[in-house]
Amino acid sequence: MLRPLAVAASLALAVLAMGCAGSSPHADNVAQETLDADYNNCQSRALVSTALIKSAGEAEDKQQEILDTCMQERGYSVK
């Protein structure tokens, strides 16, 4: 009885983890270390800037907006 429930829960967790795992950013003409540093800096800025937003969905949307703007300011573009 518990075994099917455990299997279903494990599968659901695996699917959720795969859906949440994003790919790392990539740039054709920039060293990966530079890109990672820029991305981490922008991500940190986004998290700090939205720390007081209570709604998780609203915070995530604003974080993505700040991250995109920050990366564009550094000369990156979205493909």
PDB file of N, CA and C in Angstrom:
ATOM      1  N   MET A   1       0.823  -1.192   0.000  1.00  0.00           N
ATOM      2  CA  MET A   1       0.000   0.000   0.000  1.00  0.00           C
ATOM      3  C   MET A   1       0.871   1.261   0.000  1.00  0.00           C
ATOM      4  N   LEU A   2       1.885   1.289   0.821  1.00  0.00           N
ATOM      5  CA  LEU A   2       2.744   2.462   0.883  1.00  0.00           C
ATOM      6  C   LEU A   2       3.732   2.515  -0.273  1.00  0.00           C
ATOM      7  N   ARG A   3       4.053   1.364  -0.843  1.00  0.00           N
ATOM      8  CA  ARG A   3       5.047   1.342  -1.914  1.00  0.00           C
ATOM      9  C   ARG A   3       4.608   2.160  -3.132  1.00  0.00           C
ATOM     10  N   PRO A   4       3.372   1.999  -3.638  1.00  0.00           N
ATOM     11  CA  PRO A   4       2.960   2.838  -4.781  1.00  0.00           C
ATOM     12  C   PRO A   4       2.976   4.327  -4.439  1.00  0.00           C
ATOM     13  N   LEU A   5       2.624   4.654  -3.223  1.00  0.00           N
ATOM     14  CA  LEU A   5       2.648   6.053  -2.801  1.00  0.00           C
ATOM     15  C   LEU A   5       4.079   6.583  -2.783  1.00  0.00           C
ATOM     16  N   ALA A   6       5.009   5.769  -2.300  1.00  0.00           N
ATOM     17  CA  ALA A   6       6.414   6.180  -2.262  1.00  0.00           C
ATOM     18  C   ALA A   6       6.968   6.348  -3.671  1.00  0.00           C
ATOM     19  N   VAL A   7       6.604   5.447  -4.576  1.00  0.00           N
ATOM     20  CA  VAL A   7       7.059   5.548  -5.964  1.00  0.00           C
ATOM     21  C   VAL A   7       6.491   6.806  -6.609  1.00  0.00           C
ATOM     22  N   ALA A   8       5.205   7.053  -6.405  1.00  0.00           N
ATOM     23  CA  ALA A   8       4.570   8.244  -6.978  1.00  0.00           C
ATOM     24  C   ALA A   8       5.202   9.516  -6.427  1.00  0.00           C
ATOM     25  N   ALA A   9       5.466   9.539  -5.137  1.00  0.00           N
ATOM     26  CA  ALA A   9       6.083  10.718  -4.531  1.00  0.00           C
ATOM     27  C   ALA A   9       7.493  10.923  -5.068  1.00  0.00           C
ATOM     28  N   SER A  10       8.242   9.845  -5.242  1.00  0.00           N
ATOM     29  CA  SER A  10       9.602   9.952  -5.786  1.00  0.00           C
ATOM     30  C   SER A  10       9.585  10.477  -7.210  1.00  0.00           C
ATOM     31  N   LEU A  11       8.661   9.965  -8.023  1.00  0.00           N
ATOM     32  CA  LEU A  11       8.548  10.437  -9.402  1.00  0.00           C
ATOM     33  C   LEU A  11       8.153  11.907  -9.457  1.00  0.00           C
ATOM     34  N   ALA A  12       7.214  12.295  -8.618  1.00  0.00           N
ATOM     35  CA  ALA A  12       6.783  13.695  -8.592  1.00  0.00           C
ATOM     36  C   ALA A  12       7.936  14.604  -8.189  1.00  0.00           C
ATOM     37  N   LEU A  13       8.705  14.185  -7.222  1.00  0.00           N
ATOM     38  CA  LEU A  13       9.851  14.976  -6.776  1.00  0.00           C
ATOM     39  C   LEU A  13      10.903  15.085  -7.874  1.00  0.00           C
ATOM     40  N   ALA A  14      11.147  13.989  -8.587  1.00  0.00           N
ATOM     41  CA  ALA A  14      12.131  14.010  -9.675  1.00  0.00           C
ATOM     42  C   ALA A  14      11.692  14.941 -10.800  1.00  0.00           C
ATOM     43  N   VAL A  15      10.420  14.878 -11.164  1.00  0.00           N
ATOM     44  CA  VAL A  15       9.897  15.748 -12.223  1.00  0.00           C
ATOM     45  C   VAL A  15       9.975  17.208 -11.796  1.00  0.00           C
ATOM     46  N   LEU A  16       9.625  17.483 -10.566  1.00  0.00           N
ATOM     47  CA  LEU A  16       9.692  18.848 -10.054  1.00  0.00           C
ATOM     48  C   LEU A  16      11.124  19.361 -10.067  1.00  0.00           C
ATOM     49  N   ALA A  17      12.056  18.540  -9.647  1.00  0.00           N
ATOM     50  CA  ALA A  17      13.462  18.957  -9.629  1.00  0.00           C
ATOM     51  C   ALA A  17      13.975  19.220 -11.036  1.00  0.00           C
ATOM     52  N   MET A  18      13.586  18.402 -11.987  1.00  0.00           N
ATOM     53  CA  MET A  18      14.023  18.615 -13.367  1.00  0.00           C
ATOM     54  C   MET A  18      13.418  19.889 -13.939  1.00  0.00           C
ATOM     55  N   GLY A  19      12.190  20.180 -13.582  1.00  0.00           N
ATOM     56  CA  GLY A  19      11.534  21.379 -14.083  1.00  0.00           C
ATOM     57  C   GLY A  19      12.117  22.647 -13.494  1.00  0.00           C
ATOM     58  N   CYS A  20      12.616  22.588 -12.288  1.00  0.00           N
ATOM     59  CA  CYS A  20      13.166  23.765 -11.621  1.00  0.00           C
ATOM     60  C   CYS A  20      14.629  23.998 -11.969  1.00  0.00           C
ATOM     61  N   ALA A  21      15.289  22.989 -12.453  1.00  0.00           N
ATOM     62  CA  ALA A  21      16.712  23.125 -12.763  1.00  0.00           C
ATOM     63  C   ALA A  21      16.871  23.836 -14.094  1.00  0.00           C
ATOM     64  N   GLY A  22      17.388  25.033 -14.042  1.00  0.00           N
ATOM     65  CA  GLY A  22      17.606  25.784 -15.267  1.00  0.00           C
ATOM     66  C   GLY A  22      18.996  25.537 -15.806  1.00  0.00           C
ATOM     67  N   SER A  23      19.178  25.831 -17.059  1.00  0.00           N
ATOM     68  CA  SER A  23      20.508  25.684 -17.626  1.00  0.00           C
ATOM     69  C   SER A  23      21.323  26.924 -17.279  1.00  0.00           C
ATOM     70  N   SER A  24      22.614  26.742 -17.202  1.00  0.00           N
ATOM     71  CA  SER A  24      23.457  27.885 -16.872  1.00  0.00           C
ATOM     72  C   SER A  24      23.553  28.806 -18.078  1.00  0.00           C
ATOM     73  N   PRO A  25      23.782  30.087 -17.855  1.00  0.00           N
ATOM     74  CA  PRO A  25      23.876  31.030 -18.974  1.00  0.00           C
ATOM     75  C   PRO A  25      25.078  30.711 -19.852  1.00  0.00           C
ATOM     76  N   HIS A  26      24.988  31.070 -21.106  1.00  0.00           N
ATOM     77  CA  HIS A  26      26.059  30.807 -22.068  1.00  0.00           C
ATOM     78  C   HIS A  26      26.221  32.014 -22.975  1.00  0.00           C
ATOM     79  N   ALA A  27      27.454  32.377 -23.261  1.00  0.00           N
ATOM     80  CA  ALA A  27      27.741  33.470 -24.194  1.00  0.00           C
ATOM     81  C   ALA A  27      28.816  32.999 -25.160  1.00  0.00           C
ATOM     82  N   ASP A  28      28.674  33.377 -26.418  1.00  0.00           N
ATOM     83  CA  ASP A  28      29.599  32.920 -27.449  1.00  0.00           C
ATOM     84  C   ASP A  28      30.975  33.579 -27.360  1.00  0.00           C
ATOM     85  N   ASN A  29      31.025  34.850 -27.005  1.00  0.00           N
ATOM     86  CA  ASN A  29      32.287  35.594 -27.090  1.00  0.00           C
ATOM     87  C   ASN A  29      32.820  36.067 -25.738  1.00  0.00           C
ATOM     88  N   VAL A  30      32.361  35.454 -24.648  1.00  0.00           N
ATOM     89  CA  VAL A  30      32.790  35.850 -23.306  1.00  0.00           C
ATOM     90  C   VAL A  30      33.235  34.593 -22.561  1.00  0.00           C
ATOM     91  N   ALA A  31      34.314  34.716 -21.811  1.00  0.00           N
ATOM     92  CA  ALA A  31      34.781  33.577 -21.014  1.00  0.00           C
ATOM     93  C   ALA A  31      33.694  33.156 -20.030  1.00  0.00           C
ATOM     94  N   GLN A  32      33.539  31.856 -19.829  1.00  0.00           N
ATOM     95  CA  GLN A  32      32.490  31.342 -18.945  1.00  0.00           C
ATOM     96  C   GLN A  32      32.649  31.894 -17.532  1.00  0.00           C
ATOM     97  N   GLU A  33      33.883  32.077 -17.068  1.00  0.00           N
ATOM     98  CA  GLU A  33      34.108  32.617 -15.720  1.00  0.00           C
ATOM     99  C   GLU A  33      33.569  34.041 -15.605  1.00  0.00           C
ATOM    100  N   THR A  34      33.771  34.839 -16.654  1.00  0.00           N
ATOM    101  CA  THR A  34      33.276  36.219 -16.667  1.00  0.00           C
ATOM    102  C   THR A  34      31.759  36.228 -16.682  1.00  0.00           C
ATOM    103  N   LEU A  35      31.186  35.385 -17.514  1.00  0.00           N
ATOM    104  CA  LEU A  35      29.731  35.295 -17.599  1.00  0.00           C
ATOM    105  C   LEU A  35      29.136  34.864 -16.265  1.00  0.00           C
ATOM    106  N   ASP A  36      29.720  33.840 -15.654  1.00  0.00           N
ATOM    107  CA  ASP A  36      29.226  33.364 -14.360  1.00  0.00           C
ATOM    108  C   ASP A  36      29.308  34.451 -13.294  1.00  0.00           C
ATOM    109  N   ALA A  37      30.409  35.196 -13.277  1.00  0.00           N
ATOM    110  CA  ALA A  37      30.569  36.275 -12.298  1.00  0.00           C
ATOM    111  C   ALA A  37      29.528  37.366 -12.521  1.00  0.00           C
ATOM    112  N   ASP A  38      29.317  37.752 -13.783  1.00  0.00           N
ATOM    113  CA  ASP A  38      28.311  38.771 -14.092  1.00  0.00           C
ATOM    114  C   ASP A  38      26.915  38.292 -13.706  1.00  0.00           C
ATOM    115  N   TYR A  39      26.605  37.048 -14.049  1.00  0.00           N
ATOM    116  CA  TYR A  39      25.282  36.498 -13.748  1.00  0.00           C
ATOM    117  C   TYR A  39      25.055  36.436 -12.237  1.00  0.00           C
ATOM    118  N   ASN A  40      26.049  35.942 -11.501  1.00  0.00           N
ATOM    119  CA  ASN A  40      25.916  35.849 -10.044  1.00  0.00           C
ATOM    120  C   ASN A  40      25.757  37.224  -9.410  1.00  0.00           C
ATOM    121  N   ASN A  41      26.479  38.217  -9.927  1.00  0.00           N
ATOM    122  CA  ASN A  41      26.358  39.580  -9.420  1.00  0.00           C
ATOM    123  C   ASN A  41      24.949  40.115  -9.670  1.00  0.00           C
ATOM    124  N   CYS A  42      24.440  39.903 -10.876  1.00  0.00           N
ATOM    125  CA  CYS A  42      23.096  40.384 -11.211  1.00  0.00           C
ATOM    126  C   CYS A  42      22.029  39.632 -10.416  1.00  0.00           C
ATOM    127  N   GLN A  43      22.227  38.336 -10.234  1.00  0.00           N
ATOM    128  CA  GLN A  43      21.272  37.548  -9.462  1.00  0.00           C
ATOM    129  C   GLN A  43      21.244  38.020  -8.009  1.00  0.00           C
ATOM    130  N   SER A  44      22.409  38.330  -7.459  1.00  0.00           N
ATOM    131  CA  SER A  44      22.486  38.847  -6.099  1.00  0.00           C
ATOM    132  C   SER A  44      21.752  40.179  -5.991  1.00  0.00           C
ATOM    133  N   ARG A  45      21.957  41.044  -6.981  1.00  0.00           N
ATOM    134  CA  ARG A  45      21.263  42.335  -7.004  1.00  0.00           C
ATOM    135  C   ARG A  45      19.749  42.123  -7.029  1.00  0.00           C
ATOM    136  N   ALA A  46      19.292  41.169  -7.829  1.00  0.00           N
ATOM    137  CA  ALA A  46      17.859  40.900  -7.944  1.00  0.00           C
ATOM    138  C   ALA A  46      17.283  40.378  -6.633  1.00  0.00           C
ATOM    139  N   LEU A  47      18.003  39.487  -5.973  1.00  0.00           N
ATOM    140  CA  LEU A  47      17.513  38.930  -4.710  1.00  0.00           C
ATOM    141  C   LEU A  47      17.457  39.988  -3.614  1.00  0.00           C
ATOM    142  N   VAL A  48      18.474  40.818  -3.534  1.00  0.00           N
ATOM    143  CA  VAL A  48      18.499  41.876  -2.522  1.00  0.00           C
ATOM    144  C   VAL A  48      17.395  42.896  -2.791  1.00  0.00           C
ATOM    145  N   SER A  49      17.180  43.215  -4.052  1.00  0.00           N
ATOM    146  CA  SER A  49      16.191  44.232  -4.413  1.00  0.00           C
ATOM    147  C   SER A  49      14.759  43.791  -4.158  1.00  0.00           C
ATOM    148  N   THR A  50      14.530  42.488  -4.081  1.00  0.00           N
ATOM    149  CA  THR A  50      13.161  41.987  -3.905  1.00  0.00           C
ATOM    150  C   THR A  50      12.948  41.320  -2.554  1.00  0.00           C
ATOM    151  N   ALA A  51      13.857  41.512  -1.643  1.00  0.00           N
ATOM    152  CA  ALA A  51      13.796  40.822  -0.352  1.00  0.00           C
ATOM    153  C   ALA A  51      12.527  41.129   0.438  1.00  0.00           C
ATOM    154  N   LEU A  52      11.951  42.299   0.257  1.00  0.00           N
ATOM    155  CA  LEU A  52      10.779  42.683   1.046  1.00  0.00           C
ATOM    156  C   LEU A  52       9.452  42.379   0.363  1.00  0.00           C
ATOM    157  N   ILE A  53       9.473  41.824  -0.834  1.00  0.00           N
ATOM    158  CA  ILE A  53       8.233  41.481  -1.534  1.00  0.00           C
ATOM    159  C   ILE A  53       7.690  40.187  -0.934  1.00  0.00           C
ATOM    160  N   LYS A  54       6.456  40.221  -0.459  1.00  0.00           N
ATOM    161  CA  LYS A  54       5.855  39.083   0.237  1.00  0.00           C
ATOM    162  C   LYS A  54       5.379  37.991  -0.716  1.00  0.00           C
ATOM    163  N   SER A  55       4.824  38.356  -1.852  1.00  0.00           N
ATOM    164  CA  SER A  55       4.280  37.390  -2.799  1.00  0.00           C
ATOM    165  C   SER A  55       5.411  36.710  -3.570  1.00  0.00           C
ATOM    166  N   ALA A  56       5.479  35.380  -3.465  1.00  0.00           N
ATOM    167  CA  ALA A  56       6.560  34.636  -4.129  1.00  0.00           C
ATOM    168  C   ALA A  56       6.529  34.832  -5.641  1.00  0.00           C
ATOM    169  N   GLY A  57       5.348  34.763  -6.237  1.00  0.00           N
ATOM    170  CA  GLY A  57       5.233  34.937  -7.680  1.00  0.00           C
ATOM    171  C   GLY A  57       5.649  36.323  -8.128  1.00  0.00           C
ATOM    172  N   GLU A  58       5.216  37.316  -7.390  1.00  0.00           N
ATOM    173  CA  GLU A  58       5.577  38.697  -7.712  1.00  0.00           C
ATOM    174  C   GLU A  58       7.083  38.906  -7.550  1.00  0.00           C
ATOM    175  N   ALA A  59       7.655  38.333  -6.502  1.00  0.00           N
ATOM    176  CA  ALA A  59       9.096  38.460  -6.267  1.00  0.00           C
ATOM    177  C   ALA A  59       9.887  37.804  -7.397  1.00  0.00           C
ATOM    178  N   GLU A  60       9.465  36.613  -7.825  1.00  0.00           N
ATOM    179  CA  GLU A  60      10.168  35.915  -8.909  1.00  0.00           C
ATOM    180  C   GLU A  60      10.104  36.705 -10.208  1.00  0.00           C
ATOM    181  N   ASP A  61       8.936  37.271 -10.510  1.00  0.00           N
ATOM    182  CA  ASP A  61       8.793  38.069 -11.731  1.00  0.00           C
ATOM    183  C   ASP A  61       9.718  39.282 -11.695  1.00  0.00           C
ATOM    184  N   LYS A  62       9.735  39.976 -10.564  1.00  0.00           N
ATOM    185  CA  LYS A  62      10.573  41.165 -10.423  1.00  0.00           C
ATOM    186  C   LYS A  62      12.056  40.791 -10.459  1.00  0.00           C
ATOM    187  N   GLN A  63      12.419  39.658  -9.832  1.00  0.00           N
ATOM    188  CA  GLN A  63      13.811  39.207  -9.858  1.00  0.00           C
ATOM    189  C   GLN A  63      14.264  38.950 -11.286  1.00  0.00           C
ATOM    190  N   GLN A  64      13.412  38.298 -12.079  1.00  0.00           N
ATOM    191  CA  GLN A  64      13.776  38.014 -13.466  1.00  0.00           C
ATOM    192  C   GLN A  64      13.932  39.304 -14.261  1.00  0.00           C
ATOM    193  N   GLU A  65      13.051  40.260 -14.011  1.00  0.00           N
ATOM    194  CA  GLU A  65      13.126  41.559 -14.690  1.00  0.00           C
ATOM    195  C   GLU A  65      14.436  42.280 -14.342  1.00  0.00           C
ATOM    196  N   ILE A  66      14.789  42.285 -13.064  1.00  0.00           N
ATOM    197  CA  ILE A  66      16.025  42.940 -12.619  1.00  0.00           C
ATOM    198  C   ILE A  66      17.240  42.211 -13.189  1.00  0.00           C
ATOM    199  N   LEU A  67      17.212  40.892 -13.170  1.00  0.00           N
ATOM    200  CA  LEU A  67      18.315  40.096 -13.706  1.00  0.00           C
ATOM    201  C   LEU A  67      18.513  40.370 -15.193  1.00  0.00           C
ATOM    202  N   ASP A  68      17.417  40.380 -15.954  1.00  0.00           N
ATOM    203  CA  ASP A  68      17.504  40.651 -17.393  1.00  0.00           C
ATOM    204  C   ASP A  68      18.069  42.040 -17.665  1.00  0.00           C
ATOM    205  N   THR A  69      17.572  43.032 -16.939  1.00  0.00           N
ATOM    206  CA  THR A  69      18.037  44.410 -17.123  1.00  0.00           C
ATOM    207  C   THR A  69      19.516  44.532 -16.774  1.00  0.00           C
ATOM    208  N   CYS A  70      19.917  43.921 -15.673  1.00  0.00           N
ATOM    209  CA  CYS A  70      21.315  43.974 -15.235  1.00  0.00           C
ATOM    210  C   CYS A  70      22.233  43.341 -16.277  1.00  0.00           C
ATOM    211  N   MET A  71      21.841  42.199 -16.801  1.00  0.00           N
ATOM    212  CA  MET A  71      22.676  41.526 -17.809  1.00  0.00           C
ATOM    213  C   MET A  71      22.733  42.343 -19.097  1.00  0.00           C
ATOM    214  N   GLN A  72      21.624  42.981 -19.464  1.00  0.00           N
ATOM    215  CA  GLN A  72      21.621  43.837 -20.654  1.00  0.00           C
ATOM    216  C   GLN A  72      22.536  45.040 -20.454  1.00  0.00           C
ATOM    217  N   GLU A  73      22.556  45.592 -19.237  1.00  0.00           N
ATOM    218  CA  GLU A  73      23.443  46.715 -18.934  1.00  0.00           C
ATOM    219  C   GLU A  73      24.909  46.315 -19.086  1.00  0.00           C
ATOM    220  N   ARG A  74      25.196  45.046 -18.911  1.00  0.00           N
ATOM    221  CA  ARG A  74      26.568  44.542 -19.039  1.00  0.00           C
ATOM    222  C   ARG A  74      26.889  44.111 -20.469  1.00  0.00           C
ATOM    223  N   GLY A  75      25.938  44.303 -21.375  1.00  0.00           N
ATOM    224  CA  GLY A  75      26.192  44.022 -22.784  1.00  0.00           C
ATOM    225  C   GLY A  75      25.700  42.682 -23.291  1.00  0.00           C
ATOM    226  N   TYR A  76      24.988  41.924 -22.458  1.00  0.00           N
ATOM    227  CA  TYR A  76      24.461  40.629 -22.887  1.00  0.00           C
ATOM    228  C   TYR A  76      23.076  40.825 -23.497  1.00  0.00           C
ATOM    229  N   SER A  77      22.691  39.893 -24.352  1.00  0.00           N
ATOM    230  CA  SER A  77      21.335  39.915 -24.903  1.00  0.00           C
ATOM    231  C   SER A  77      20.750  38.516 -24.803  1.00  0.00           C
ATOM    232  N   VAL A  78      19.438  38.443 -24.781  1.00  0.00           N
ATOM    233  CA  VAL A  78      18.742  37.167 -24.684  1.00  0.00           C
ATOM    234  C   VAL A  78      18.613  36.575 -26.075  1.00  0.00           C
ATOM    235  N   LYS A  79      18.928  35.297 -26.197  1.00  0.00           N
ATOM    236  CA  LYS A  79      18.797  34.624 -27.497  1.00  0.00           C
ATOM    237  C   LYS A  79      17.450  33.978 -27.611  1.00  0.00           C
TER     238      LYS A  79
END
